[in-house]
Amino acid sequence: MQNYESARTEILDWLAETIKVPAGQIDLTRPLNEIGLDSLDAVHMIATVESIIRQELPEDIIRRVTCLNDIFSLMRSKMAAA
């Protein structure tokens, strides 16, 4: 399993490529739909997070998280518990 920082960077790089914005310009506090993610992209991102941390996330995760900081916080806690 990757460490948290490399996993976070991988997600940000994927997102930057997906929404065509440099990773450093992505506002981690804005709602996912406001940064350019549609629902299919969000599902893909969650699948990518699950693959990186090698754990399944709750099925309702898309409804529970509002921004990237929420996802990263959850990812960090899951990785710390592993």
C-alpha atoms as a PDB file:
ATOM      1  CA  MET A   1       0.000   0.000   0.000  1.00  0.00           C
ATOM      2  CA  GLN A   2       1.155   3.525  -0.768  1.00  0.00           C
ATOM      3  CA  ASN A   3       1.704   6.115   1.904  1.00  0.00           C
ATOM      4  CA  TYR A   4      -0.926   8.801   2.295  1.00  0.00           C
ATOM      5  CA  GLU A   5       0.977  11.603   0.553  1.00  0.00           C
ATOM      6  CA  SER A   6       1.758   9.567  -2.570  1.00  0.00           C
ATOM      7  CA  ALA A   7      -1.850   8.311  -2.687  1.00  0.00           C
ATOM      8  CA  ARG A   8      -3.137  11.879  -2.355  1.00  0.00           C
ATOM      9  CA  THR A   9      -0.822  13.033  -5.139  1.00  0.00           C
ATOM     10  CA  GLU A  10      -1.988  10.204  -7.386  1.00  0.00           C
ATOM     11  CA  ILE A  11      -5.640  11.189  -6.868  1.00  0.00           C
ATOM     12  CA  LEU A  12      -4.898  14.869  -7.483  1.00  0.00           C
ATOM     13  CA  ASP A  13      -2.945  14.047 -10.654  1.00  0.00           C
ATOM     14  CA  TRP A  14      -5.817  11.896 -11.925  1.00  0.00           C
ATOM     15  CA  LEU A  15      -8.292  14.643 -11.112  1.00  0.00           C
ATOM     16  CA  ALA A  16      -6.178  17.334 -12.760  1.00  0.00           C
ATOM     17  CA  GLU A  17      -6.040  15.274 -15.942  1.00  0.00           C
ATOM     18  CA  THR A  18      -9.774  14.555 -15.783  1.00  0.00           C
ATOM     19  CA  ILE A  19     -10.916  18.145 -15.307  1.00  0.00           C
ATOM     20  CA  LYS A  20      -8.039  19.703 -17.297  1.00  0.00           C
ATOM     21  CA  VAL A  21      -6.820  21.942 -14.470  1.00  0.00           C
ATOM     22  CA  PRO A  22      -3.324  21.958 -12.922  1.00  0.00           C
ATOM     23  CA  ALA A  23      -3.330  19.985  -9.654  1.00  0.00           C
ATOM     24  CA  GLY A  24      -2.087  23.000  -7.712  1.00  0.00           C
ATOM     25  CA  GLN A  25      -5.118  25.027  -8.789  1.00  0.00           C
ATOM     26  CA  ILE A  26      -7.747  22.562  -7.576  1.00  0.00           C
ATOM     27  CA  ASP A  27      -9.689  23.935  -4.609  1.00  0.00           C
ATOM     28  CA  LEU A  28      -9.930  21.019  -2.164  1.00  0.00           C
ATOM     29  CA  THR A  29     -12.808  22.676  -0.301  1.00  0.00           C
ATOM     30  CA  ARG A  30     -15.183  23.221  -3.234  1.00  0.00           C
ATOM     31  CA  PRO A  31     -17.977  20.730  -3.904  1.00  0.00           C
ATOM     32  CA  LEU A  32     -16.978  18.012  -6.362  1.00  0.00           C
ATOM     33  CA  ASN A  33     -19.506  19.102  -8.982  1.00  0.00           C
ATOM     34  CA  GLU A  34     -18.204  22.687  -8.794  1.00  0.00           C
ATOM     35  CA  ILE A  35     -14.664  21.630  -9.653  1.00  0.00           C
ATOM     36  CA  GLY A  36     -15.881  19.869 -12.773  1.00  0.00           C
ATOM     37  CA  LEU A  37     -16.545  16.292 -11.686  1.00  0.00           C
ATOM     38  CA  ASP A  38     -19.709  14.696 -12.957  1.00  0.00           C
ATOM     39  CA  SER A  39     -21.238  11.710 -11.181  1.00  0.00           C
ATOM     40  CA  LEU A  40     -19.429   9.173 -13.382  1.00  0.00           C
ATOM     41  CA  ASP A  41     -16.082  10.870 -12.688  1.00  0.00           C
ATOM     42  CA  ALA A  42     -16.841  10.842  -8.954  1.00  0.00           C
ATOM     43  CA  VAL A  43     -17.581   7.112  -9.032  1.00  0.00           C
ATOM     44  CA  HIS A  44     -14.340   6.520 -10.936  1.00  0.00           C
ATOM     45  CA  MET A  45     -12.412   8.588  -8.403  1.00  0.00           C
ATOM     46  CA  ILE A  46     -13.865   6.604  -5.496  1.00  0.00           C
ATOM     47  CA  ALA A  47     -12.922   3.358  -7.274  1.00  0.00           C
ATOM     48  CA  THR A  48      -9.403   4.726  -7.705  1.00  0.00           C
ATOM     49  CA  VAL A  49      -9.209   5.590  -3.995  1.00  0.00           C
ATOM     50  CA  GLU A  50     -10.408   2.074  -3.100  1.00  0.00           C
ATOM     51  CA  SER A  51      -7.774   0.584  -5.369  1.00  0.00           C
ATOM     52  CA  ILE A  52      -5.015   2.695  -3.839  1.00  0.00           C
ATOM     53  CA  ILE A  53      -5.951   2.000  -0.222  1.00  0.00           C
ATOM     54  CA  ARG A  54      -6.993  -1.597  -0.973  1.00  0.00           C
ATOM     55  CA  GLN A  55     -10.188  -1.205   1.014  1.00  0.00           C
ATOM     56  CA  GLU A  56     -13.800  -0.737   0.064  1.00  0.00           C
ATOM     57  CA  LEU A  57     -15.454   2.488   1.072  1.00  0.00           C
ATOM     58  CA  PRO A  58     -19.083   2.680   2.216  1.00  0.00           C
ATOM     59  CA  GLU A  59     -21.576   2.409  -0.644  1.00  0.00           C
ATOM     60  CA  ASP A  60     -23.065   5.804   0.186  1.00  0.00           C
ATOM     61  CA  ILE A  61     -19.700   7.568   0.147  1.00  0.00           C
ATOM     62  CA  ILE A  62     -20.637   9.725  -2.848  1.00  0.00           C
ATOM     63  CA  ARG A  63     -23.551  11.198  -0.909  1.00  0.00           C
ATOM     64  CA  ARG A  64     -21.524  11.629   2.287  1.00  0.00           C
ATOM     65  CA  VAL A  65     -18.544  13.544   0.913  1.00  0.00           C
ATOM     66  CA  THR A  66     -18.867  17.047  -0.425  1.00  0.00           C
ATOM     67  CA  CYS A  67     -15.323  17.967  -1.374  1.00  0.00           C
ATOM     68  CA  LEU A  68     -11.851  16.522  -1.894  1.00  0.00           C
ATOM     69  CA  ASN A  69     -10.823  17.322   1.665  1.00  0.00           C
ATOM     70  CA  ASP A  70     -13.592  14.972   2.855  1.00  0.00           C
ATOM     71  CA  ILE A  71     -12.292  12.218   0.597  1.00  0.00           C
ATOM     72  CA  PHE A  72      -8.702  12.770   1.672  1.00  0.00           C
ATOM     73  CA  SER A  73      -9.683  12.777   5.336  1.00  0.00           C
ATOM     74  CA  LEU A  74     -11.525   9.489   4.940  1.00  0.00           C
ATOM     75  CA  MET A  75      -8.647   8.058   2.918  1.00  0.00           C
ATOM     76  CA  ARG A  76      -6.139   9.053   5.609  1.00  0.00           C
ATOM     77  CA  SER A  77      -8.175   7.457   8.399  1.00  0.00           C
ATOM     78  CA  LYS A  78      -8.654   4.236   6.415  1.00  0.00           C
ATOM     79  CA  MET A  79      -4.945   4.047   5.614  1.00  0.00           C
ATOM     80  CA  ALA A  80      -3.977   4.699   9.237  1.00  0.00           C
ATOM     81  CA  ALA A  81      -6.271   1.910  10.424  1.00  0.00           C
ATOM     82  CA  ALA A  82      -4.839  -0.632   7.957  1.00  0.00           C
END
